[in-house]
Amino acid sequence: MPEPEGRPGPAPVPLTGEPSPLGVELTPTGHPAVDAGLARLAALDGVPTDAHLPVYEDVHQRLADTLAALDRD
């Protein structure tokens, strides 16, 4: 599938068998709780994938809690 115009695709990842950074740029949202989750995801760059799941689950829960708090306000 072609990339949308004006948006480059991800950089090719070398097949070395070692984890390598994806180089995805994260843009701060200005919401501290969301930005903390993004920072946790950014810290996974270059970490073996078997260590990702607990972080994904934690970030998912934090984001769900943040959304739920918006409904309570």
PDB file of N, CA and C in Angstrom:
ATOM      1  N   MET A   1       0.845  -1.167   0.000  1.00  0.00           N
ATOM      2  CA  MET A   1       0.000   0.000   0.000  1.00  0.00           C
ATOM      3  C   MET A   1       0.894   1.234   0.000  1.00  0.00           C
ATOM      4  N   PRO A   2       0.666   2.202  -0.886  1.00  0.00           N
ATOM      5  CA  PRO A   2       1.517   3.396  -0.933  1.00  0.00           C
ATOM      6  C   PRO A   2       1.265   4.292   0.273  1.00  0.00           C
ATOM      7  N   GLU A   3       2.298   5.022   0.663  1.00  0.00           N
ATOM      8  CA  GLU A   3       2.194   5.973   1.763  1.00  0.00           C
ATOM      9  C   GLU A   3       1.410   7.196   1.296  1.00  0.00           C
ATOM     10  N   PRO A   4       0.627   7.842   2.207  1.00  0.00           N
ATOM     11  CA  PRO A   4      -0.056   9.080   1.835  1.00  0.00           C
ATOM     12  C   PRO A   4       0.965  10.135   1.435  1.00  0.00           C
ATOM     13  N   GLU A   5       0.572  10.986   0.495  1.00  0.00           N
ATOM     14  CA  GLU A   5       1.497  12.025   0.029  1.00  0.00           C
ATOM     15  C   GLU A   5       1.929  12.910   1.195  1.00  0.00           C
ATOM     16  N   GLY A   6       3.193  13.273   1.199  1.00  0.00           N
ATOM     17  CA  GLY A   6       3.740  14.158   2.216  1.00  0.00           C
ATOM     18  C   GLY A   6       4.128  13.459   3.505  1.00  0.00           C
ATOM     19  N   ARG A   7       3.864  12.164   3.617  1.00  0.00           N
ATOM     20  CA  ARG A   7       4.218  11.420   4.826  1.00  0.00           C
ATOM     21  C   ARG A   7       5.157  10.290   4.453  1.00  0.00           C
ATOM     22  N   PRO A   8       6.411  10.416   4.862  1.00  0.00           N
ATOM     23  CA  PRO A   8       7.347   9.329   4.548  1.00  0.00           C
ATOM     24  C   PRO A   8       7.022   8.090   5.361  1.00  0.00           C
ATOM     25  N   GLY A   9       7.356   6.956   4.815  1.00  0.00           N
ATOM     26  CA  GLY A   9       7.168   5.695   5.528  1.00  0.00           C
ATOM     27  C   GLY A   9       8.256   5.517   6.567  1.00  0.00           C
ATOM     28  N   PRO A  10       8.148   4.492   7.387  1.00  0.00           N
ATOM     29  CA  PRO A  10       9.187   4.248   8.395  1.00  0.00           C
ATOM     30  C   PRO A  10      10.496   3.867   7.727  1.00  0.00           C
ATOM     31  N   ALA A  11      11.570   4.174   8.423  1.00  0.00           N
ATOM     32  CA  ALA A  11      12.893   3.821   7.906  1.00  0.00           C
ATOM     33  C   ALA A  11      13.029   2.310   7.896  1.00  0.00           C
ATOM     34  N   PRO A  12      13.739   1.755   6.927  1.00  0.00           N
ATOM     35  CA  PRO A  12      13.935   0.304   6.917  1.00  0.00           C
ATOM     36  C   PRO A  12      14.689  -0.149   8.162  1.00  0.00           C
ATOM     37  N   VAL A  13      14.284  -1.267   8.704  1.00  0.00           N
ATOM     38  CA  VAL A  13      14.924  -1.812   9.904  1.00  0.00           C
ATOM     39  C   VAL A  13      15.885  -2.895   9.467  1.00  0.00           C
ATOM     40  N   PRO A  14      17.174  -2.779   9.830  1.00  0.00           N
ATOM     41  CA  PRO A  14      18.133  -3.818   9.454  1.00  0.00           C
ATOM     42  C   PRO A  14      17.805  -5.135  10.146  1.00  0.00           C
ATOM     43  N   LEU A  15      17.965  -6.215   9.465  1.00  0.00           N
ATOM     44  CA  LEU A  15      17.673  -7.534  10.024  1.00  0.00           C
ATOM     45  C   LEU A  15      18.938  -8.122  10.641  1.00  0.00           C
ATOM     46  N   THR A  16      19.289  -7.636  11.814  1.00  0.00           N
ATOM     47  CA  THR A  16      20.508  -8.074  12.485  1.00  0.00           C
ATOM     48  C   THR A  16      20.228  -9.093  13.576  1.00  0.00           C
ATOM     49  N   GLY A  17      18.961  -9.277  13.937  1.00  0.00           N
ATOM     50  CA  GLY A  17      18.626 -10.140  15.056  1.00  0.00           C
ATOM     51  C   GLY A  17      18.645  -9.405  16.378  1.00  0.00           C
ATOM     52  N   GLU A  18      19.198  -8.222  16.408  1.00  0.00           N
ATOM     53  CA  GLU A  18      19.241  -7.391  17.606  1.00  0.00           C
ATOM     54  C   GLU A  18      18.129  -6.358  17.530  1.00  0.00           C
ATOM     55  N   PRO A  19      17.556  -5.950  18.689  1.00  0.00           N
ATOM     56  CA  PRO A  19      16.540  -4.899  18.648  1.00  0.00           C
ATOM     57  C   PRO A  19      17.168  -3.599  18.174  1.00  0.00           C
ATOM     58  N   SER A  20      16.431  -2.879  17.367  1.00  0.00           N
ATOM     59  CA  SER A  20      16.930  -1.596  16.891  1.00  0.00           C
ATOM     60  C   SER A  20      15.826  -0.557  16.988  1.00  0.00           C
ATOM     61  N   PRO A  21      16.198   0.685  17.221  1.00  0.00           N
ATOM     62  CA  PRO A  21      15.208   1.751  17.361  1.00  0.00           C
ATOM     63  C   PRO A  21      14.376   1.909  16.091  1.00  0.00           C
ATOM     64  N   LEU A  22      13.104   2.226  16.272  1.00  0.00           N
ATOM     65  CA  LEU A  22      12.235   2.467  15.126  1.00  0.00           C
ATOM     66  C   LEU A  22      12.344   3.895  14.618  1.00  0.00           C
ATOM     67  N   GLY A  23      12.794   4.803  15.485  1.00  0.00           N
ATOM     68  CA  GLY A  23      12.948   6.189  15.060  1.00  0.00           C
ATOM     69  C   GLY A  23      11.632   6.923  14.895  1.00  0.00           C
ATOM     70  N   VAL A  24      10.596   6.508  15.626  1.00  0.00           N
ATOM     71  CA  VAL A  24       9.304   7.176  15.558  1.00  0.00           C
ATOM     72  C   VAL A  24       9.352   8.410  16.449  1.00  0.00           C
ATOM     73  N   GLU A  25       9.003   9.548  15.880  1.00  0.00           N
ATOM     74  CA  GLU A  25       9.022  10.799  16.635  1.00  0.00           C
ATOM     75  C   GLU A  25       7.703  10.955  17.375  1.00  0.00           C
ATOM     76  N   LEU A  26       7.778  11.207  18.680  1.00  0.00           N
ATOM     77  CA  LEU A  26       6.588  11.407  19.491  1.00  0.00           C
ATOM     78  C   LEU A  26       6.390  12.894  19.745  1.00  0.00           C
ATOM     79  N   THR A  27       5.176  13.353  19.555  1.00  0.00           N
ATOM     80  CA  THR A  27       4.846  14.753  19.762  1.00  0.00           C
ATOM     81  C   THR A  27       4.125  14.894  21.095  1.00  0.00           C
ATOM     82  N   PRO A  28       4.632  15.717  21.997  1.00  0.00           N
ATOM     83  CA  PRO A  28       3.960  15.902  23.283  1.00  0.00           C
ATOM     84  C   PRO A  28       2.533  16.423  23.081  1.00  0.00           C
ATOM     85  N   THR A  29       1.633  15.956  23.951  1.00  0.00           N
ATOM     86  CA  THR A  29       0.226  16.360  23.853  1.00  0.00           C
ATOM     87  C   THR A  29      -0.092  17.554  24.731  1.00  0.00           C
ATOM     88  N   GLY A  30       0.754  17.788  25.748  1.00  0.00           N
ATOM     89  CA  GLY A  30       0.464  18.845  26.707  1.00  0.00           C
ATOM     90  C   GLY A  30      -0.329  18.332  27.906  1.00  0.00           C
ATOM     91  N   HIS A  31      -0.754  17.085  27.859  1.00  0.00           N
ATOM     92  CA  HIS A  31      -1.463  16.470  28.987  1.00  0.00           C
ATOM     93  C   HIS A  31      -0.445  15.586  29.707  1.00  0.00           C
ATOM     94  N   PRO A  32      -0.099  15.921  30.949  1.00  0.00           N
ATOM     95  CA  PRO A  32       0.980  15.201  31.643  1.00  0.00           C
ATOM     96  C   PRO A  32       0.819  13.682  31.696  1.00  0.00           C
ATOM     97  N   ALA A  33      -0.379  13.187  31.961  1.00  0.00           N
ATOM     98  CA  ALA A  33      -0.566  11.738  32.070  1.00  0.00           C
ATOM     99  C   ALA A  33      -0.364  11.046  30.727  1.00  0.00           C
ATOM    100  N   VAL A  34      -0.842  11.662  29.669  1.00  0.00           N
ATOM    101  CA  VAL A  34      -0.684  11.088  28.328  1.00  0.00           C
ATOM    102  C   VAL A  34       0.782  11.153  27.912  1.00  0.00           C
ATOM    103  N   ASP A  35       1.422  12.283  28.174  1.00  0.00           N
ATOM    104  CA  ASP A  35       2.834  12.429  27.811  1.00  0.00           C
ATOM    105  C   ASP A  35       3.718  11.446  28.585  1.00  0.00           C
ATOM    106  N   ALA A  36       3.350  11.136  29.829  1.00  0.00           N
ATOM    107  CA  ALA A  36       4.107  10.140  30.598  1.00  0.00           C
ATOM    108  C   ALA A  36       3.980   8.769  29.939  1.00  0.00           C
ATOM    109  N   GLY A  37       2.793   8.442  29.443  1.00  0.00           N
ATOM    110  CA  GLY A  37       2.611   7.180  28.730  1.00  0.00           C
ATOM    111  C   GLY A  37       3.428   7.132  27.458  1.00  0.00           C
ATOM    112  N   LEU A  38       3.435   8.227  26.711  1.00  0.00           N
ATOM    113  CA  LEU A  38       4.238   8.288  25.493  1.00  0.00           C
ATOM    114  C   LEU A  38       5.725   8.119  25.807  1.00  0.00           C
ATOM    115  N   ALA A  39       6.161   8.702  26.897  1.00  0.00           N
ATOM    116  CA  ALA A  39       7.571   8.573  27.289  1.00  0.00           C
ATOM    117  C   ALA A  39       7.901   7.116  27.610  1.00  0.00           C
ATOM    118  N   ARG A  40       6.976   6.413  28.241  1.00  0.00           N
ATOM    119  CA  ARG A  40       7.210   4.984  28.537  1.00  0.00           C
ATOM    120  C   ARG A  40       7.331   4.197  27.244  1.00  0.00           C
ATOM    121  N   LEU A  41       6.485   4.508  26.259  1.00  0.00           N
ATOM    122  CA  LEU A  41       6.563   3.810  24.980  1.00  0.00           C
ATOM    123  C   LEU A  41       7.870   4.132  24.264  1.00  0.00           C
ATOM    124  N   ALA A  42       8.289   5.399  24.322  1.00  0.00           N
ATOM    125  CA  ALA A  42       9.536   5.803  23.669  1.00  0.00           C
ATOM    126  C   ALA A  42      10.726   5.061  24.274  1.00  0.00           C
ATOM    127  N   ALA A  43      10.648   4.748  25.570  1.00  0.00           N
ATOM    128  CA  ALA A  43      11.749   4.062  26.236  1.00  0.00           C
ATOM    129  C   ALA A  43      11.906   2.624  25.745  1.00  0.00           C
ATOM    130  N   LEU A  44      10.906   2.100  25.020  1.00  0.00           N
ATOM    131  CA  LEU A  44      10.990   0.729  24.512  1.00  0.00           C
ATOM    132  C   LEU A  44      11.842   0.614  23.255  1.00  0.00           C
ATOM    133  N   ASP A  45      12.171   1.732  22.635  1.00  0.00           N
ATOM    134  CA  ASP A  45      12.961   1.695  21.405  1.00  0.00           C
ATOM    135  C   ASP A  45      14.270   0.944  21.654  1.00  0.00           C
ATOM    136  N   GLY A  46      14.482  -0.123  20.929  1.00  0.00           N
ATOM    137  CA  GLY A  46      15.702  -0.905  21.055  1.00  0.00           C
ATOM    138  C   GLY A  46      15.648  -1.994  22.121  1.00  0.00           C
ATOM    139  N   VAL A  47      14.508  -2.088  22.830  1.00  0.00           N
ATOM    140  CA  VAL A  47      14.339  -3.117  23.860  1.00  0.00           C
ATOM    141  C   VAL A  47      13.751  -4.366  23.197  1.00  0.00           C
ATOM    142  N   PRO A  48      14.183  -5.553  23.565  1.00  0.00           N
ATOM    143  CA  PRO A  48      13.609  -6.773  22.973  1.00  0.00           C
ATOM    144  C   PRO A  48      12.086  -6.811  23.135  1.00  0.00           C
ATOM    145  N   THR A  49      11.409  -7.315  22.124  1.00  0.00           N
ATOM    146  CA  THR A  49       9.951  -7.278  22.108  1.00  0.00           C
ATOM    147  C   THR A  49       9.314  -8.062  23.251  1.00  0.00           C
ATOM    148  N   ASP A  50       9.990  -9.066  23.779  1.00  0.00           N
ATOM    149  CA  ASP A  50       9.375  -9.820  24.867  1.00  0.00           C
ATOM    150  C   ASP A  50       9.247  -8.992  26.144  1.00  0.00           C
ATOM    151  N   ALA A  51       9.894  -7.844  26.205  1.00  0.00           N
ATOM    152  CA  ALA A  51       9.777  -6.945  27.347  1.00  0.00           C
ATOM    153  C   ALA A  51       8.725  -5.855  27.112  1.00  0.00           C
ATOM    154  N   HIS A  52       8.104  -5.814  25.938  1.00  0.00           N
ATOM    155  CA  HIS A  52       7.159  -4.748  25.607  1.00  0.00           C
ATOM    156  C   HIS A  52       5.795  -4.919  26.265  1.00  0.00           C
ATOM    157  N   LEU A  53       5.294  -6.146  26.352  1.00  0.00           N
ATOM    158  CA  LEU A  53       3.915  -6.368  26.784  1.00  0.00           C
ATOM    159  C   LEU A  53       3.576  -5.723  28.122  1.00  0.00           C
ATOM    160  N   PRO A  54       4.384  -5.890  29.172  1.00  0.00           N
ATOM    161  CA  PRO A  54       4.014  -5.251  30.444  1.00  0.00           C
ATOM    162  C   PRO A  54       3.924  -3.731  30.335  1.00  0.00           C
ATOM    163  N   VAL A  55       4.784  -3.137  29.520  1.00  0.00           N
ATOM    164  CA  VAL A  55       4.750  -1.681  29.348  1.00  0.00           C
ATOM    165  C   VAL A  55       3.498  -1.289  28.576  1.00  0.00           C
ATOM    166  N   TYR A  56       3.175  -2.021  27.497  1.00  0.00           N
ATOM    167  CA  TYR A  56       1.947  -1.729  26.744  1.00  0.00           C
ATOM    168  C   TYR A  56       0.724  -1.818  27.653  1.00  0.00           C
ATOM    169  N   GLU A  57       0.665  -2.861  28.480  1.00  0.00           N
ATOM    170  CA  GLU A  57      -0.482  -3.023  29.371  1.00  0.00           C
ATOM    171  C   GLU A  57      -0.567  -1.882  30.379  1.00  0.00           C
ATOM    172  N   ASP A  58       0.572  -1.459  30.925  1.00  0.00           N
ATOM    173  CA  ASP A  58       0.596  -0.351  31.874  1.00  0.00           C
ATOM    174  C   ASP A  58       0.149   0.949  31.212  1.00  0.00           C
ATOM    175  N   VAL A  59       0.670   1.226  30.035  1.00  0.00           N
ATOM    176  CA  VAL A  59       0.307   2.468  29.333  1.00  0.00           C
ATOM    177  C   VAL A  59      -1.175   2.428  28.965  1.00  0.00           C
ATOM    178  N   HIS A  60      -1.660   1.280  28.502  1.00  0.00           N
ATOM    179  CA  HIS A  60      -3.081   1.155  28.173  1.00  0.00           C
ATOM    180  C   HIS A  60      -3.943   1.459  29.396  1.00  0.00           C
ATOM    181  N   GLN A  61      -3.574   0.903  30.551  1.00  0.00           N
ATOM    182  CA  GLN A  61      -4.354   1.151  31.764  1.00  0.00           C
ATOM    183  C   GLN A  61      -4.307   2.618  32.157  1.00  0.00           C
ATOM    184  N   ARG A  62      -3.134   3.228  32.056  1.00  0.00           N
ATOM    185  CA  ARG A  62      -3.014   4.659  32.390  1.00  0.00           C
ATOM    186  C   ARG A  62      -3.893   5.513  31.477  1.00  0.00           C
ATOM    187  N   LEU A  63      -3.885   5.203  30.178  1.00  0.00           N
ATOM    188  CA  LEU A  63      -4.708   5.972  29.244  1.00  0.00           C
ATOM    189  C   LEU A  63      -6.200   5.741  29.502  1.00  0.00           C
ATOM    190  N   ALA A  64      -6.576   4.501  29.798  1.00  0.00           N
ATOM    191  CA  ALA A  64      -7.975   4.209  30.126  1.00  0.00           C
ATOM    192  C   ALA A  64      -8.403   4.975  31.378  1.00  0.00           C
ATOM    193  N   ASP A  65      -7.534   5.012  32.393  1.00  0.00           N
ATOM    194  CA  ASP A  65      -7.840   5.764  33.614  1.00  0.00           C
ATOM    195  C   ASP A  65      -7.971   7.255  33.325  1.00  0.00           C
ATOM    196  N   THR A  66      -7.111   7.772  32.464  1.00  0.00           N
ATOM    197  CA  THR A  66      -7.161   9.188  32.095  1.00  0.00           C
ATOM    198  C   THR A  66      -8.483   9.507  31.398  1.00  0.00           C
ATOM    199  N   LEU A  67      -8.902   8.648  30.476  1.00  0.00           N
ATOM    200  CA  LEU A  67     -10.177   8.862  29.786  1.00  0.00           C
ATOM    201  C   LEU A  67     -11.353   8.754  30.751  1.00  0.00           C
ATOM    202  N   ALA A  68     -11.310   7.809  31.665  1.00  0.00           N
ATOM    203  CA  ALA A  68     -12.375   7.648  32.633  1.00  0.00           C
ATOM    204  C   ALA A  68     -12.477   8.875  33.524  1.00  0.00           C
ATOM    205  N   ALA A  69     -11.322   9.444  33.883  1.00  0.00           N
ATOM    206  CA  ALA A  69     -11.321  10.648  34.725  1.00  0.00           C
ATOM    207  C   ALA A  69     -11.973  11.820  34.006  1.00  0.00           C
ATOM    208  N   LEU A  70     -11.830  11.889  32.699  1.00  0.00           N
ATOM    209  CA  LEU A  70     -12.471  12.966  31.941  1.00  0.00           C
ATOM    210  C   LEU A  70     -13.984  12.871  32.033  1.00  0.00           C
ATOM    211  N   ASP A  71     -14.504  11.647  32.066  1.00  0.00           N
ATOM    212  CA  ASP A  71     -15.952  11.450  32.185  1.00  0.00           C
ATOM    213  C   ASP A  71     -16.469  11.853  33.557  1.00  0.00           C
ATOM    214  N   ARG A  72     -15.615  11.757  34.581  1.00  0.00           N
ATOM    215  CA  ARG A  72     -16.020  12.104  35.947  1.00  0.00           C
ATOM    216  C   ARG A  72     -15.981  13.600  36.190  1.00  0.00           C
ATOM    217  N   ASP A  73     -15.208  14.329  35.415  1.00  0.00           N
ATOM    218  CA  ASP A  73     -15.059  15.787  35.643  1.00  0.00           C
ATOM    219  C   ASP A  73     -16.262  16.549  35.146  1.00  0.00           C
TER     220      ASP A  73
END
